[in-house]
């Protein structure tokens, strides 16, 4: 038998013509090279090592790392002075709206200050506005806000029975996580915001809100469901960290834990101490 691939036995003229006719009848009318290639020998040859992949490029510095510490301290000091000078929510809103040091103000469509009943005993603080909130200028009006309203409704609370705000009053581009620089800049405003509302109970929605206001590095998984003391001026407010509703939309299996947190919130609000 002739081994066509290796050409170990030379073809006679008749065999070569027969092989050529067989290829033509099979539809083969193009050759891939003029020099025969022994593919058995090629496959048996040791494989060459793949070229070493180039090293990944160095990560670009975070937004926090590109801002001098002196500039951060100066801007934060300015925010603290402005916030301390506000004796009402309207005054605070005007101060935040005129605060130019935070770069988010230049990329957002609207200021998202707060919503609900400022005379309520319950205040909820999230991370930052999303796209829907940025368009409407109100916190928690998108899908996560709808989930939050359903959860609150299940314990007998609607927007008229609570007050809602965020750590940041402007949307970060692309809904990215806020930088440390941005949260530090806006921290004096949300602290003053809480002081002016003066709720009996504070719910911290998500890791950013909990870590920022409680000044901790612990994650929300460890913090959630545990009552904390939030010091507000001369007062201490009962604070409950729990999952952000946007996180619950991505991790619906955690809704059972969040529900236990809101049941604890309901019991706390019904307590004679509050």
Foldseek 3Di string as FASTA:
>chain_A
DQDVLQCPDPDDPVRVVVVVVVCVVVPDDDDDDDDRDNVVVVVPDDDDDDPDDDDDDDDDDDPVVVDDPVLLVVLLVVLLVQLVPDPALVSLVVSLLPRDSAPLNVVFQEFQFKAAALQAQEEEEEAEADPVCSVVSYHLPDPLSVVVQVLCVVLPDHRNRYMYYYLARGADPPNDGDDPSRSSSSVSSVLSVCLNSVHQEYEYEAQVSCCSQVVDPDHLVVQAPDWDWGDRPPDTHTYGYDYRSVVCVVVVVCVVVRSVRVVVVSVVVPDPVD
